[in-house]
Amino acid sequence: MKRPPFEVADIIRAHGNSFVEKNRAWLTWLHLRVLSAIEHCRTAALGGHRDRCRQCGHEAISFNSCRSRHCPKCQTNARDKWLAGRSQELLPVVRLPISPVNASAYGRPRAKPIF
């Protein structure tokens, strides 16, 4: 999958401090904790580990994630798995868009228009 040009963490790193300074009156420690978690997610600040391929011996460093439910990096896989599961539950039917103009055609045949 292609990486996006900007991530939420990049925006927080660039503008997070000025945002916190301007909005200190209503920000709670929970807000600050989430901002910090997203900023440090998958960086050396949270540590990491070395992955090695058993076949070719290639090594790659993987940084640990914050595992916050608010973090877009951490929740992407969970969201994708959830969506894949829900798409398996859909029935193979044709879906027709219903607008207020033609909604009465799908209701009772002699019903009064509700729009």
C-alpha atoms as a PDB file:
ATOM      1  CA  MET A   1       0.000   0.000   0.000  1.00  0.00           C
ATOM      2  CA  LYS A   2       1.280   3.439  -0.905  1.00  0.00           C
ATOM      3  CA  ARG A   3       2.153   5.723   1.989  1.00  0.00           C
ATOM      4  CA  PRO A   4       0.337   9.057   2.155  1.00  0.00           C
ATOM      5  CA  PRO A   5       2.450  12.204   1.677  1.00  0.00           C
ATOM      6  CA  PHE A   6       1.458  13.500   5.135  1.00  0.00           C
ATOM      7  CA  GLU A   7       0.496  11.697   8.291  1.00  0.00           C
ATOM      8  CA  VAL A   8      -1.336  12.987  11.343  1.00  0.00           C
ATOM      9  CA  ALA A   9       1.874  12.553  13.332  1.00  0.00           C
ATOM     10  CA  ASP A  10       3.722  14.868  10.927  1.00  0.00           C
ATOM     11  CA  ILE A  11       1.110  17.575  11.457  1.00  0.00           C
ATOM     12  CA  ILE A  12       1.256  17.155  15.237  1.00  0.00           C
ATOM     13  CA  ARG A  13       5.057  17.373  15.176  1.00  0.00           C
ATOM     14  CA  ALA A  14       4.936  20.545  13.061  1.00  0.00           C
ATOM     15  CA  HIS A  15       2.074  22.378  14.746  1.00  0.00           C
ATOM     16  CA  GLY A  16       1.279  20.529  17.973  1.00  0.00           C
ATOM     17  CA  ASN A  17       3.120  22.854  20.353  1.00  0.00           C
ATOM     18  CA  SER A  18       1.511  26.018  18.971  1.00  0.00           C
ATOM     19  CA  PHE A  19      -1.908  24.320  19.044  1.00  0.00           C
ATOM     20  CA  VAL A  20      -1.450  23.356  22.692  1.00  0.00           C
ATOM     21  CA  GLU A  21      -0.285  26.868  23.619  1.00  0.00           C
ATOM     22  CA  LYS A  22      -3.274  28.522  21.934  1.00  0.00           C
ATOM     23  CA  ASN A  23      -5.834  26.079  23.340  1.00  0.00           C
ATOM     24  CA  ARG A  24      -4.407  25.352  26.784  1.00  0.00           C
ATOM     25  CA  ALA A  25      -7.631  26.583  28.463  1.00  0.00           C
ATOM     26  CA  TRP A  26      -9.770  23.662  27.336  1.00  0.00           C
ATOM     27  CA  LEU A  27      -7.227  20.883  26.691  1.00  0.00           C
ATOM     28  CA  THR A  28      -7.147  18.180  29.354  1.00  0.00           C
ATOM     29  CA  TRP A  29      -4.330  15.799  30.203  1.00  0.00           C
ATOM     30  CA  LEU A  30      -6.153  13.127  28.165  1.00  0.00           C
ATOM     31  CA  HIS A  31      -5.942  15.298  25.050  1.00  0.00           C
ATOM     32  CA  LEU A  32      -2.252  15.897  25.658  1.00  0.00           C
ATOM     33  CA  ARG A  33      -1.627  12.201  26.202  1.00  0.00           C
ATOM     34  CA  VAL A  34      -3.301  11.303  22.887  1.00  0.00           C
ATOM     35  CA  LEU A  35      -1.336  13.984  21.019  1.00  0.00           C
ATOM     36  CA  SER A  36       1.897  12.701  22.546  1.00  0.00           C
ATOM     37  CA  ALA A  37       1.059   9.073  21.726  1.00  0.00           C
ATOM     38  CA  ILE A  38       0.299   9.886  18.074  1.00  0.00           C
ATOM     39  CA  GLU A  39       3.446  12.007  17.807  1.00  0.00           C
ATOM     40  CA  HIS A  40       5.715   9.237  19.139  1.00  0.00           C
ATOM     41  CA  CYS A  41       3.973   6.261  17.507  1.00  0.00           C
ATOM     42  CA  ARG A  42       6.357   4.012  15.562  1.00  0.00           C
ATOM     43  CA  THR A  43       9.406   6.107  16.320  1.00  0.00           C
ATOM     44  CA  ALA A  44      12.579   5.398  18.273  1.00  0.00           C
ATOM     45  CA  ALA A  45      10.997   7.138  21.276  1.00  0.00           C
ATOM     46  CA  LEU A  46       8.887   4.031  21.941  1.00  0.00           C
ATOM     47  CA  GLY A  47      11.685   1.580  21.189  1.00  0.00           C
ATOM     48  CA  GLY A  48      11.747  -1.082  18.550  1.00  0.00           C
ATOM     49  CA  HIS A  49      12.974  -4.473  17.475  1.00  0.00           C
ATOM     50  CA  ARG A  50      14.879  -6.051  14.619  1.00  0.00           C
ATOM     51  CA  ASP A  51      13.059  -8.363  12.225  1.00  0.00           C
ATOM     52  CA  ARG A  52      15.063 -10.917  10.266  1.00  0.00           C
ATOM     53  CA  CYS A  53      13.923 -13.060   7.351  1.00  0.00           C
ATOM     54  CA  ARG A  54      14.711 -16.721   8.003  1.00  0.00           C
ATOM     55  CA  GLN A  55      15.166 -17.476   4.318  1.00  0.00           C
ATOM     56  CA  CYS A  56      17.359 -14.655   3.011  1.00  0.00           C
ATOM     57  CA  GLY A  57      18.615 -13.073   6.258  1.00  0.00           C
ATOM     58  CA  HIS A  58      17.361  -9.571   5.401  1.00  0.00           C
ATOM     59  CA  GLU A  59      17.012  -7.404   8.507  1.00  0.00           C
ATOM     60  CA  ALA A  60      14.634  -4.495   9.099  1.00  0.00           C
ATOM     61  CA  ILE A  61      14.020  -2.358  12.158  1.00  0.00           C
ATOM     62  CA  SER A  62      10.407  -2.063  13.287  1.00  0.00           C
ATOM     63  CA  PHE A  63       9.517   0.581  15.832  1.00  0.00           C
ATOM     64  CA  ASN A  64       6.893  -0.089  18.479  1.00  0.00           C
ATOM     65  CA  SER A  65       3.452   1.442  18.170  1.00  0.00           C
ATOM     66  CA  CYS A  66       1.524   3.432  20.770  1.00  0.00           C
ATOM     67  CA  ARG A  67      -1.566   1.148  20.496  1.00  0.00           C
ATOM     68  CA  SER A  68      -3.835   4.105  21.200  1.00  0.00           C
ATOM     69  CA  ARG A  69      -7.386   3.759  19.948  1.00  0.00           C
ATOM     70  CA  HIS A  70      -7.157   7.333  18.655  1.00  0.00           C
ATOM     71  CA  CYS A  71      -4.041   6.748  16.557  1.00  0.00           C
ATOM     72  CA  PRO A  72      -4.682   6.363  12.832  1.00  0.00           C
ATOM     73  CA  LYS A  73      -1.529   4.261  12.316  1.00  0.00           C
ATOM     74  CA  CYS A  74      -2.453   1.773  15.022  1.00  0.00           C
ATOM     75  CA  GLN A  75      -6.106   1.437  14.110  1.00  0.00           C
ATOM     76  CA  THR A  76      -5.734   1.077  10.329  1.00  0.00           C
ATOM     77  CA  ASN A  77      -5.253  -2.703  10.459  1.00  0.00           C
ATOM     78  CA  ALA A  78      -8.106  -3.171  12.930  1.00  0.00           C
ATOM     79  CA  ARG A  79     -10.391  -1.001  10.790  1.00  0.00           C
ATOM     80  CA  ASP A  80      -9.463  -2.885   7.608  1.00  0.00           C
ATOM     81  CA  LYS A  81     -10.104  -6.262   9.264  1.00  0.00           C
ATOM     82  CA  TRP A  82     -13.452  -5.039  10.611  1.00  0.00           C
ATOM     83  CA  LEU A  83     -14.511  -3.716   7.193  1.00  0.00           C
ATOM     84  CA  ALA A  84     -13.468  -6.968   5.499  1.00  0.00           C
ATOM     85  CA  GLY A  85     -15.552  -8.933   7.989  1.00  0.00           C
ATOM     86  CA  ARG A  86     -18.579  -6.708   7.446  1.00  0.00           C
ATOM     87  CA  SER A  87     -18.253  -6.949   3.654  1.00  0.00           C
ATOM     88  CA  GLN A  88     -18.388 -10.767   3.982  1.00  0.00           C
ATOM     89  CA  GLU A  89     -21.731 -10.417   5.790  1.00  0.00           C
ATOM     90  CA  LEU A  90     -23.373  -8.405   2.993  1.00  0.00           C
ATOM     91  CA  LEU A  91     -25.962 -10.126   0.864  1.00  0.00           C
ATOM     92  CA  PRO A  92     -25.306 -10.250  -2.895  1.00  0.00           C
ATOM     93  CA  VAL A  93     -28.118  -7.884  -3.892  1.00  0.00           C
ATOM     94  CA  VAL A  94     -28.386  -4.919  -6.195  1.00  0.00           C
ATOM     95  CA  ARG A  95     -28.545  -1.692  -4.248  1.00  0.00           C
ATOM     96  CA  LEU A  96     -30.623   1.139  -5.637  1.00  0.00           C
ATOM     97  CA  PRO A  97     -30.103   4.704  -4.489  1.00  0.00           C
ATOM     98  CA  ILE A  98     -33.263   6.096  -2.926  1.00  0.00           C
ATOM     99  CA  SER A  99     -33.807   9.831  -2.924  1.00  0.00           C
ATOM    100  CA  PRO A 100     -36.764  11.771  -1.478  1.00  0.00           C
ATOM    101  CA  VAL A 101     -38.128  12.142  -5.005  1.00  0.00           C
ATOM    102  CA  ASN A 102     -38.589   8.419  -5.617  1.00  0.00           C
ATOM    103  CA  ALA A 103     -38.862   7.205  -2.015  1.00  0.00           C
ATOM    104  CA  SER A 104     -42.647   6.973  -2.175  1.00  0.00           C
ATOM    105  CA  ALA A 105     -42.372   4.420  -4.998  1.00  0.00           C
ATOM    106  CA  TYR A 106     -40.715   1.957  -2.581  1.00  0.00           C
ATOM    107  CA  GLY A 107     -43.246   2.488   0.211  1.00  0.00           C
ATOM    108  CA  ARG A 108     -46.947   1.726   0.211  1.00  0.00           C
ATOM    109  CA  PRO A 109     -48.441   2.149  -3.266  1.00  0.00           C
ATOM    110  CA  ARG A 110     -51.199   4.585  -2.225  1.00  0.00           C
ATOM    111  CA  ALA A 111     -49.372   6.309   0.597  1.00  0.00           C
ATOM    112  CA  LYS A 112     -49.325  10.071   0.846  1.00  0.00           C
ATOM    113  CA  PRO A 113     -45.985  11.684   0.010  1.00  0.00           C
ATOM    114  CA  ILE A 114     -43.992  12.391   3.154  1.00  0.00           C
ATOM    115  CA  PHE A 115     -41.679  14.937   1.578  1.00  0.00           C
END
